[in-house]
Amino acid sequence: MNVFKLIARQSFLVNLLIALGLILLVAFIFFQSLGWLTHHGESLKVPDVIGKNVDSATNLLENEGFDVVITDSLYTDSVALNMVKKQLPDPNATVKVNRTVFLNVNPTTLPMVEMPKLEGLSFRFAADNLAKNHLKLGDTSYRPDFMKGSILEQRYKGSEIKPGTPIKWGSSIDLVIGGGLVARKIPVPDLSGLTVSDAKNVLADKGILLAAILTSGTVTDTANAFIFRQNPSALNSDYTPSYIQPGQTMDIWIQADRPVFDTLQIDSSH
């Protein structure tokens, strides 16, 4: 009976020793493979991707074994669109493989800015205001006006642009500048019977400014309303032509229906 107990006891001890040996062997294999699994001791230099296209930079980094995270930032006009501006870690830094590289990039499209109010400013202040708002000075033209040297109109692609209008960063703005009053007189144009739209063209060709637009009755479409009175008039009280200087203003009175005028002409020579 004691012999069987001794054999059983020896079997238990042997099994225990075998189990401990297996545990030690598994632990040894695990720790040996841990370095391989984590690429222990392996390192790479981070490529320099600053100034590269975002897609090209991403492909290069991923092919080198890096993860890439892209972060947008404020637009910088000295860097092309969709280009890498900064990176972290820095170029040529030595890091472990599978490290994440963060790319700070320029946006893919131009941001929008608000059009400033330039009318009434001097040309110098208007140009400075454009630059501060990340806009460019386009063409300049002059129109006879008593506000010499002041901005009369701000225009974008041939049309007037109102202050506060969203516009792309770097857009060119054309300016119409007051050229002062021209020392010459021209006959006052007769605007009677014209629409407001046509009258504006006539006045613009002659360098005359349209001031007040006064209505008679109900007018729903100002541009296509008809002029029945103006100040100054085309003729004086003695029916001789009246004169005006370019840059001066005219007032008009309008109504919805085309006016009817007396066709009787008085010969001013009598």
Protein backbone atom coordinates (compact mmCIF):
# COMPACT_ATOMS: atom_id res chain seq x y z
CA MET A 1 0.00 0.00 0.00
CA ASN A 2 2.85 2.36 0.83
CA VAL A 3 4.44 1.55 -2.51
CA PHE A 4 1.33 2.70 -4.39
CA LYS A 5 1.22 5.93 -2.41
CA LEU A 6 4.87 6.60 -3.24
CA ILE A 7 4.25 6.02 -6.94
CA ALA A 8 1.17 8.28 -6.88
CA ARG A 9 3.12 10.93 -5.00
CA GLN A 10 5.98 10.76 -7.47
CA SER A 11 3.55 11.07 -10.39
CA PHE A 12 2.07 14.21 -8.86
CA LEU A 13 5.48 15.75 -8.39
CA VAL A 14 6.47 14.86 -11.93
CA ASN A 15 3.27 16.34 -13.29
CA LEU A 16 3.80 19.46 -11.23
CA LEU A 17 7.33 19.85 -12.53
CA ILE A 18 6.16 19.30 -16.11
CA ALA A 19 3.40 21.90 -15.65
CA LEU A 20 5.85 24.44 -14.24
CA GLY A 21 8.22 23.73 -17.11
CA LEU A 22 5.46 24.31 -19.65
CA ILE A 23 4.51 27.57 -17.98
CA LEU A 24 8.09 28.76 -18.04
CA LEU A 25 8.44 27.72 -21.69
CA VAL A 26 5.26 29.58 -22.74
CA ALA A 27 6.38 32.68 -20.83
CA PHE A 28 9.80 32.53 -22.48
CA ILE A 29 8.27 32.22 -25.96
CA PHE A 30 5.80 35.08 -25.25
CA PHE A 31 8.46 37.51 -24.11
CA GLN A 32 10.72 36.54 -26.98
CA SER A 33 7.96 37.17 -29.51
CA LEU A 34 6.79 40.39 -27.83
CA GLY A 35 9.71 42.31 -29.28
CA TRP A 36 8.88 41.00 -32.73
CA LEU A 37 5.19 41.84 -32.38
CA THR A 38 5.91 45.42 -31.26
CA HIS A 39 8.89 45.93 -33.57
CA HIS A 40 11.03 46.51 -30.51
CA GLY A 41 14.22 48.28 -31.42
CA GLU A 42 13.00 49.13 -34.94
CA SER A 43 12.84 52.82 -35.91
CA LEU A 44 12.38 54.97 -39.00
CA LYS A 45 13.12 58.52 -40.06
CA VAL A 46 10.04 60.63 -40.75
CA PRO A 47 10.07 61.82 -44.39
CA ASP A 48 9.92 65.57 -45.06
CA VAL A 49 6.49 66.19 -46.65
CA ILE A 50 6.19 69.92 -45.99
CA GLY A 51 5.25 71.68 -49.23
CA LYS A 52 3.95 68.50 -50.85
CA ASN A 53 0.44 67.85 -52.11
CA VAL A 54 -1.66 66.28 -49.34
CA ASP A 55 -2.42 63.11 -51.34
CA SER A 56 1.24 62.60 -52.29
CA ALA A 57 2.38 63.20 -48.71
CA THR A 58 -0.19 60.75 -47.32
CA ASN A 59 0.79 58.02 -49.77
CA LEU A 60 4.49 58.49 -49.02
CA LEU A 61 4.02 58.29 -45.25
CA GLU A 62 1.68 55.29 -45.37
CA ASN A 63 4.06 53.41 -47.66
CA GLU A 64 6.81 54.03 -45.08
CA GLY A 65 4.65 52.44 -42.38
CA PHE A 66 3.21 55.55 -40.71
CA ASP A 67 -0.39 56.34 -39.82
CA VAL A 68 -1.54 59.78 -41.02
CA VAL A 69 -3.96 62.23 -39.40
CA ILE A 70 -4.80 65.42 -41.35
CA THR A 71 -5.76 68.63 -39.57
CA ASP A 72 -7.07 71.68 -41.46
CA SER A 73 -6.01 75.17 -40.51
CA LEU A 74 -6.59 78.78 -41.48
CA TYR A 75 -5.80 79.58 -45.10
CA THR A 76 -2.32 80.90 -45.81
CA ASP A 77 -1.99 82.76 -49.11
CA SER A 78 1.76 82.06 -49.32
CA VAL A 79 1.09 78.32 -49.62
CA ALA A 80 -0.76 76.63 -52.46
CA LEU A 81 -4.15 75.04 -51.82
CA ASN A 82 -4.19 71.46 -50.49
CA MET A 83 -0.52 71.56 -49.51
CA VAL A 84 1.17 70.43 -46.27
CA LYS A 85 2.24 73.40 -44.13
CA LYS A 86 3.53 71.64 -41.00
CA GLN A 87 4.06 68.10 -39.75
CA LEU A 88 4.49 66.43 -36.38
CA PRO A 89 6.91 64.72 -35.72
CA ASP A 90 9.28 67.05 -37.52
CA PRO A 91 10.98 66.03 -40.78
CA ASN A 92 13.83 63.51 -40.37
CA ALA A 93 12.89 62.77 -36.75
CA THR A 94 13.68 59.19 -35.67
CA VAL A 95 10.58 57.40 -34.38
CA LYS A 96 9.25 53.87 -33.97
CA VAL A 97 7.38 52.27 -36.84
CA ASN A 98 3.59 52.53 -36.82
CA ARG A 99 3.92 56.04 -35.35
CA THR A 100 1.18 58.55 -36.29
CA VAL A 101 2.23 61.62 -38.28
CA PHE A 102 -0.01 64.68 -38.00
CA LEU A 103 -0.23 66.94 -41.08
CA ASN A 104 -1.32 70.57 -40.88
CA VAL A 105 -2.54 71.47 -44.36
CA ASN A 106 -3.87 74.41 -46.34
CA PRO A 107 -7.59 74.14 -47.21
CA THR A 108 -8.62 72.68 -50.58
CA THR A 109 -10.71 75.75 -51.49
CA LEU A 110 -10.35 79.47 -50.91
CA PRO A 111 -12.19 80.76 -47.83
CA MET A 112 -14.83 83.48 -48.05
CA VAL A 113 -14.40 87.01 -46.69
CA GLU A 114 -16.84 89.90 -46.38
CA MET A 115 -16.66 92.79 -48.82
CA PRO A 116 -15.76 95.96 -46.88
CA LYS A 117 -17.38 99.35 -47.43
CA LEU A 118 -15.01 101.50 -49.50
CA GLU A 119 -17.34 104.18 -50.86
CA GLY A 120 -16.46 107.61 -49.51
CA LEU A 121 -12.92 106.59 -48.53
CA SER A 122 -9.82 108.05 -50.10
CA PHE A 123 -8.04 105.84 -52.59
CA ARG A 124 -5.15 105.17 -50.18
CA PHE A 125 -7.44 104.10 -47.33
CA ALA A 126 -9.52 102.00 -49.72
CA ALA A 127 -6.45 100.16 -50.99
CA ASP A 128 -5.28 99.51 -47.40
CA ASN A 129 -8.76 98.28 -46.48
CA LEU A 130 -8.75 95.83 -49.37
CA ALA A 131 -5.39 94.42 -48.31
CA LYS A 132 -6.51 94.03 -44.68
CA ASN A 133 -9.53 92.06 -45.87
CA HIS A 134 -7.38 89.80 -48.09
CA LEU A 135 -8.69 91.30 -51.34
CA LYS A 136 -6.77 92.71 -54.30
CA LEU A 137 -7.02 96.06 -56.05
CA GLY A 138 -8.27 95.59 -59.60
CA ASP A 139 -8.81 98.25 -62.28
CA THR A 140 -9.35 101.89 -61.38
CA SER A 141 -11.35 104.42 -63.38
CA TYR A 142 -12.30 108.04 -62.85
CA ARG A 143 -15.65 109.77 -63.12
CA PRO A 144 -16.33 113.49 -62.87
CA ASP A 145 -17.51 114.21 -59.33
CA PHE A 146 -17.02 116.91 -56.74
CA MET A 147 -15.67 114.21 -54.34
CA LYS A 148 -12.28 114.25 -56.00
CA GLY A 149 -10.05 111.35 -55.00
CA SER A 150 -12.83 109.53 -53.12
CA ILE A 151 -14.24 106.11 -53.98
CA LEU A 152 -17.58 106.43 -55.76
CA GLU A 153 -18.23 102.75 -56.52
CA GLN A 154 -16.78 99.34 -55.67
CA ARG A 155 -17.24 96.74 -58.40
CA TYR A 156 -16.61 93.01 -58.83
CA LYS A 157 -16.59 91.37 -62.26
CA GLY A 158 -18.30 94.37 -63.83
CA SER A 159 -21.09 94.77 -61.28
CA GLU A 160 -21.40 96.81 -58.12
CA ILE A 161 -20.81 94.78 -54.96
CA LYS A 162 -22.45 95.72 -51.68
CA PRO A 163 -20.58 95.85 -48.35
CA GLY A 164 -20.93 92.61 -46.40
CA THR A 165 -21.30 90.44 -49.51
CA PRO A 166 -19.37 87.14 -49.17
CA ILE A 167 -16.53 86.98 -51.68
CA LYS A 168 -13.58 84.64 -52.17
CA TRP A 169 -10.26 85.47 -50.54
CA GLY A 170 -7.93 87.18 -53.02
CA SER A 171 -10.64 88.46 -55.39
CA SER A 172 -9.92 91.63 -57.39
CA ILE A 173 -12.10 94.67 -56.73
CA ASP A 174 -12.40 97.49 -59.29
CA LEU A 175 -12.79 101.05 -58.01
CA VAL A 176 -14.48 104.07 -59.55
CA ILE A 177 -12.80 107.22 -58.22
CA GLY A 178 -14.05 110.79 -58.21
CA GLY A 179 -12.09 112.87 -60.69
CA GLY A 180 -13.34 116.29 -59.62
CA LEU A 181 -15.58 118.61 -61.59
CA VAL A 182 -14.59 119.22 -65.18
CA ALA A 183 -14.32 122.91 -66.06
CA ARG A 184 -16.73 122.72 -68.99
CA LYS A 185 -20.42 123.00 -69.48
CA ILE A 186 -22.71 120.69 -71.42
CA PRO A 187 -26.41 121.06 -72.30
CA VAL A 188 -28.74 119.52 -69.74
CA PRO A 189 -30.11 116.34 -71.32
CA ASP A 190 -33.89 116.12 -71.74
CA LEU A 191 -34.98 113.02 -69.83
CA SER A 192 -38.73 113.54 -70.26
CA GLY A 193 -40.50 110.35 -71.27
CA LEU A 194 -37.49 108.12 -70.66
CA THR A 195 -37.51 105.24 -68.22
CA VAL A 196 -35.28 105.50 -65.17
CA SER A 197 -33.06 102.75 -66.56
CA ASP A 198 -32.54 104.59 -69.87
CA ALA A 199 -32.02 107.91 -68.09
CA LYS A 200 -29.26 106.44 -65.95
CA ASN A 201 -27.40 105.40 -69.09
CA VAL A 202 -27.76 108.87 -70.61
CA LEU A 203 -26.51 110.57 -67.44
CA ALA A 204 -23.62 108.12 -67.03
CA ASP A 205 -22.42 108.85 -70.59
CA LYS A 206 -22.35 112.57 -69.80
CA GLY A 207 -20.81 112.22 -66.34
CA ILE A 208 -23.91 113.58 -64.58
CA LEU A 209 -24.99 112.03 -61.27
CA LEU A 210 -28.56 111.00 -60.52
CA ALA A 211 -29.55 112.33 -57.10
CA ALA A 212 -33.16 112.17 -55.89
CA ILE A 213 -35.86 110.00 -57.50
CA LEU A 214 -39.30 111.28 -56.50
CA THR A 215 -42.48 109.33 -57.30
CA SER A 216 -45.99 110.42 -58.21
CA GLY A 217 -48.71 107.88 -57.49
CA THR A 218 -47.96 104.20 -57.09
CA VAL A 219 -44.75 102.97 -58.68
CA THR A 220 -43.88 99.27 -58.27
CA ASP A 221 -41.06 99.05 -60.82
CA THR A 222 -38.74 102.03 -60.48
CA ALA A 223 -36.38 100.99 -63.28
CA ASN A 224 -39.20 100.96 -65.85
CA ALA A 225 -41.10 103.98 -64.50
CA PHE A 226 -41.28 107.11 -66.72
CA ILE A 227 -39.80 110.53 -66.06
CA PHE A 228 -42.22 113.46 -66.32
CA ARG A 229 -40.15 116.15 -64.64
CA GLN A 230 -36.49 116.92 -63.95
CA ASN A 231 -34.30 119.44 -62.19
CA PRO A 232 -32.50 121.22 -63.71
CA SER A 233 -34.74 121.41 -66.78
CA ALA A 234 -33.38 121.01 -70.28
CA LEU A 235 -34.67 124.49 -71.20
CA ASN A 236 -34.70 127.80 -69.34
CA SER A 237 -37.86 129.85 -68.94
CA ASP A 238 -37.08 131.63 -72.19
CA TYR A 239 -36.72 128.22 -73.92
CA THR A 240 -32.97 128.55 -74.33
CA PRO A 241 -30.85 125.48 -73.45
CA SER A 242 -29.67 125.23 -69.85
CA TYR A 243 -26.18 123.94 -69.06
CA ILE A 244 -24.60 121.72 -66.42
CA GLN A 245 -21.09 120.56 -65.53
CA PRO A 246 -20.04 116.90 -65.51
CA GLY A 247 -20.05 115.68 -61.94
CA GLN A 248 -23.09 117.70 -60.92
CA THR A 249 -26.39 116.09 -59.99
CA MET A 250 -29.94 115.93 -61.35
CA ASP A 251 -33.26 115.12 -59.67
CA ILE A 252 -36.09 113.35 -61.46
CA TRP A 253 -39.82 112.79 -60.88
CA ILE A 254 -41.35 109.51 -62.07
CA GLN A 255 -44.73 107.88 -62.59
CA ALA A 256 -45.98 104.47 -63.69
CA ASP A 257 -47.51 105.61 -67.01
CA ARG A 258 -45.77 107.22 -69.95
CA PRO A 259 -46.42 111.02 -69.77
CA VAL A 260 -48.04 112.98 -72.58
CA PHE A 261 -46.33 116.24 -73.50
CA ASP A 262 -47.54 119.24 -75.44
CA THR A 263 -46.00 118.99 -78.91
CA LEU A 264 -46.32 122.74 -79.49
CA GLN A 265 -42.81 124.04 -80.06
CA ILE A 266 -42.10 127.72 -79.39
CA ASP A 267 -39.50 129.23 -81.66
CA SER A 268 -36.95 130.75 -79.28
CA SER A 269 -35.79 133.11 -82.04
CA HIS A 270 -39.02 135.15 -81.76
